[in-house]
Protein backbone atom coordinates (compact mmCIF):
# COMPACT_ATOMS: atom_id res chain seq x y z
CA MET A 1 -10.77 -16.10 5.67
CA GLU A 2 -13.88 -16.39 6.28
CA ALA A 3 -14.56 -12.60 5.51
CA THR A 4 -13.59 -13.83 1.40
CA ASN A 5 -16.21 -16.87 2.12
CA LEU A 6 -19.01 -14.57 3.20
CA ARG A 7 -21.40 -15.42 1.04
CA PHE A 8 -20.63 -19.08 0.61
CA PHE A 9 -21.66 -18.77 4.95
CA GLY A 10 -23.93 -16.99 4.53
CA ALA A 11 -25.83 -19.21 2.57
CA PHE A 12 -25.08 -22.30 4.44
CA LEU A 13 -26.29 -20.43 7.38
CA ALA A 14 -29.62 -19.51 5.82
CA GLU A 15 -29.51 -23.25 4.05
CA TYR A 16 -29.51 -24.65 7.23
CA CYS A 17 -31.22 -22.86 9.06
CA PHE A 18 -34.87 -24.35 6.29
CA TYR A 19 -33.83 -27.03 7.65
CA ARG A 20 -33.97 -27.07 11.14
CA THR A 21 -37.15 -25.06 10.99
CA ARG A 22 -38.31 -27.48 8.62
CA TYR A 23 -36.87 -30.58 11.53
CA GLN A 24 -38.56 -28.72 14.32
CA TRP A 25 -42.21 -27.69 12.46
CA LEU A 26 -42.21 -31.92 11.86
CA LEU A 27 -40.77 -32.95 15.42
CA GLN A 28 -44.08 -30.84 16.93
CA LYS A 29 -46.43 -32.15 14.34
CA TYR A 30 -44.58 -35.67 15.55
CA PHE A 31 -45.27 -35.18 18.87
CA ASP A 32 -48.75 -34.00 18.65
CA THR A 33 -49.66 -37.14 16.28
CA TYR A 34 -48.31 -39.43 18.41
CA LYS A 35 -50.16 -37.61 21.19
CA GLN A 36 -53.56 -38.51 19.53
CA SER A 37 -55.20 -41.20 21.36
CA THR A 38 -55.60 -44.22 17.46
CA ALA A 39 -60.25 -43.54 18.25
CA THR A 40 -60.23 -39.48 18.19
CA PHE A 41 -57.08 -39.74 14.84
CA SER A 42 -57.94 -37.90 12.38
CA ALA A 43 -56.53 -37.94 8.91
CA PRO A 44 -54.95 -35.09 7.21
CA VAL A 45 -57.35 -32.82 5.08
CA ARG A 46 -56.87 -33.18 1.26
CA GLY A 47 -53.67 -29.91 0.32
CA SER A 48 -52.44 -29.88 3.91
CA PRO A 49 -48.97 -29.97 4.40
CA ILE A 50 -48.85 -33.31 6.43
CA TYR A 51 -51.20 -34.83 3.34
CA ASN A 52 -48.57 -33.56 1.32
CA LEU A 53 -46.40 -36.01 2.17
CA PHE A 54 -47.83 -39.02 1.13
CA GLN A 55 -48.62 -37.68 -3.00
CA SER A 56 -45.70 -39.31 -5.37
CA GLY A 57 -42.74 -37.26 -5.24
CA PRO A 58 -38.81 -37.49 -4.33
CA GLY A 59 -38.43 -38.02 -1.00
CA SER A 60 -41.52 -39.43 -1.02
CA SER A 61 -41.27 -42.94 -1.95
CA GLU A 62 -41.21 -44.24 2.29
CA ASN A 63 -44.84 -42.15 2.68
CA GLN A 64 -47.18 -44.11 0.36
CA ALA A 65 -50.29 -44.42 2.29
CA ALA A 66 -52.90 -47.77 1.02
CA ASP A 67 -55.86 -45.29 1.05
CA LEU A 68 -55.20 -41.46 0.91
CA SER A 69 -58.79 -40.52 1.69
CA SER A 70 -58.41 -42.72 5.11
CA ILE A 71 -54.49 -41.97 6.28
CA LYS A 72 -54.09 -44.01 9.75
CA GLN A 73 -51.78 -42.68 12.16
CA SER A 74 -49.24 -45.33 11.95
CA GLU A 75 -49.24 -43.66 8.44
CA VAL A 76 -48.35 -39.87 8.93
CA LEU A 77 -46.52 -41.28 12.54
CA LYS A 78 -43.81 -43.19 9.48
CA ALA A 79 -43.92 -40.28 6.73
CA LEU A 80 -43.42 -37.99 9.68
CA ALA A 81 -40.20 -39.71 10.82
CA TYR A 82 -39.23 -40.62 7.69
CA GLN A 83 -38.81 -36.53 6.59
CA MET A 84 -37.23 -35.61 10.12
CA ALA A 85 -34.58 -39.19 8.59
CA ILE A 86 -33.79 -36.66 5.81
CA MET A 87 -33.59 -33.51 7.42
CA ASN A 88 -31.34 -34.88 10.32
CA THR A 89 -29.16 -36.04 6.99
CA ARG A 90 -29.14 -33.43 5.74
CA MET A 91 -28.25 -31.32 8.77
CA THR A 92 -25.62 -33.81 10.17
CA ASP A 93 -23.47 -33.56 6.72
CA MET A 94 -23.45 -30.14 6.81
CA ARG A 95 -21.96 -29.97 10.44
CA ASN A 96 -19.52 -32.12 8.72
CA LEU A 97 -18.60 -29.98 6.16
CA LEU A 98 -18.68 -27.09 8.29
CA SER A 99 -16.06 -29.34 10.96
CA ALA A 100 -14.15 -30.06 7.53
CA VAL A 101 -13.94 -26.22 7.15
CA ASN A 102 -12.79 -25.43 10.51
CA ASP A 103 -10.29 -28.27 10.22
CA GLU A 104 -9.03 -25.99 7.07
CA TYR A 105 -9.14 -23.05 8.60
CA SER A 106 -7.17 -23.67 12.49
CA ARG A 107 -4.59 -26.41 9.57
CA ILE A 108 -3.88 -22.52 8.04
CA PHE A 109 -3.92 -20.65 10.86
CA GLY A 110 -1.46 -22.81 13.13
CA MET A 111 1.03 -22.66 9.96
CA VAL A 112 0.41 -19.06 10.18
CA GLN A 113 0.81 -18.87 13.36
CA GLN A 114 4.18 -20.89 13.28
CA ASN A 115 5.51 -19.30 10.71
CA ILE A 116 4.79 -15.73 12.86
CA ASN A 117 6.99 -17.53 15.48
CA ASP A 118 9.41 -18.67 13.72
CA GLU A 119 12.81 -16.77 14.66
CA SER A 120 14.77 -18.22 11.00
CA LEU A 121 11.68 -16.04 8.32
CA THR A 122 12.09 -12.72 7.59
CA GLY A 123 8.85 -10.89 8.85
CA SER A 124 8.29 -12.87 11.81
CA ASN A 125 7.56 -11.79 15.37
CA ALA A 126 10.74 -12.98 16.80
CA ASP A 127 12.54 -11.41 13.72
CA LEU A 128 11.16 -8.15 14.68
CA THR A 129 11.73 -8.31 18.34
CA LYS A 130 15.28 -8.82 17.76
CA THR A 131 15.32 -6.22 15.24
CA ILE A 132 14.15 -3.39 16.87
CA LYS A 133 16.02 -4.88 19.83
CA ALA A 134 18.96 -4.28 17.70
CA LEU A 135 17.84 -0.65 16.91
CA GLN A 136 17.20 0.09 20.45
CA ASP A 137 20.92 -0.82 21.70
CA SER A 138 22.00 1.54 18.57
CA SER A 139 19.83 3.97 19.24
CA LYS A 140 21.03 4.45 22.81
CA GLU A 141 24.82 4.00 21.08
CA ALA A 142 24.31 6.40 18.78
CA LYS A 143 22.81 8.48 21.49
CA GLU A 144 25.81 8.72 23.87
CA TYR A 145 28.12 8.95 20.61
CA MET A 146 26.68 12.18 18.87
CA ASN A 147 25.75 15.36 20.46
CA GLU A 148 24.22 17.80 18.35
CA ALA A 149 28.06 19.58 18.11
CA GLN A 150 29.66 16.60 16.32
CA PHE A 151 26.60 16.24 14.48
CA ARG A 152 27.54 19.38 12.62
CA GLU A 153 31.14 18.93 12.61
CA ARG A 154 30.41 15.82 10.91
CA ALA A 155 27.90 16.86 8.30
CA VAL A 156 30.86 19.46 6.98
CA GLU A 157 33.85 17.28 6.85
CA TYR A 158 31.01 14.55 4.89
CA THR A 159 29.98 17.72 2.65
CA GLN A 160 33.90 19.03 2.19
CA GLU A 161 34.57 14.87 1.51
CA LYS A 162 31.86 14.76 -0.86
CA ASN A 163 32.66 18.28 -2.92
CA ARG A 164 36.17 17.12 -2.64
CA HIS A 165 35.59 14.06 -5.21
CA ALA A 166 32.97 15.71 -7.20
CA THR A 167 35.48 18.70 -8.23
CA ILE A 168 37.59 14.98 -9.01
CA LEU A 169 34.72 13.71 -11.53
CA LEU A 170 34.77 16.98 -12.94
CA GLY A 171 38.25 17.03 -13.48
CA LEU A 172 38.58 13.35 -15.33
CA TYR A 173 35.34 13.89 -16.85
CA ALA A 174 37.28 17.33 -18.58
CA ILE A 175 39.78 15.38 -19.42
CA LEU A 176 37.84 12.99 -21.22
CA ASN A 177 35.88 15.70 -23.23
CA ILE A 178 39.12 17.00 -24.32
CA GLY A 179 40.55 13.70 -25.82
CA ALA A 180 37.06 13.11 -27.25
CA LEU A 181 37.06 15.74 -28.89
CA ALA A 182 41.05 15.20 -29.74
CA MET A 183 40.64 12.02 -31.31
CA ILE A 184 37.05 13.39 -33.51
CA TYR A 185 39.70 16.04 -35.17
CA LYS A 186 42.49 13.73 -36.18
CA LEU A 187 39.87 11.28 -37.55
CA LYS A 188 38.37 14.15 -39.68
């Protein structure tokens, strides 16, 4: 089933890796910023990825600083934590989705396994095992019953019987054809 959904799993993995990489980068930036003392902290440079967190846009409402020219360390930490929370939520949702897909595959796999092992279903392992055992038993009986000479004798008898039935049928068809010709002749 996974092979038929390879495109889904490929896209899923690519998206998850994208979020995970962003999360790790944000986490590293968070710890780098946290390690700096407030006295030596320098505000993010305009155009840097961290500065861009403070620009207005989707997902940035929690990251607004009072003055973009002098962003404080606490504001940067808050913005990074907010973005990490967003990434973490997305990755958690993706893991939950993957868990639900896995549960569905497990249910289907269990149903297939149950059908494979159900003796009452034709084609199941138990049914095939029973059929193979019966064939092996009948093969043993057939080997004991017939040898090559008996086989040839039986084949000749079968051919003679088949020829006798074919002769009877040909005679019957001949009589029916004669009767049909007589009916046609009489009707004219």
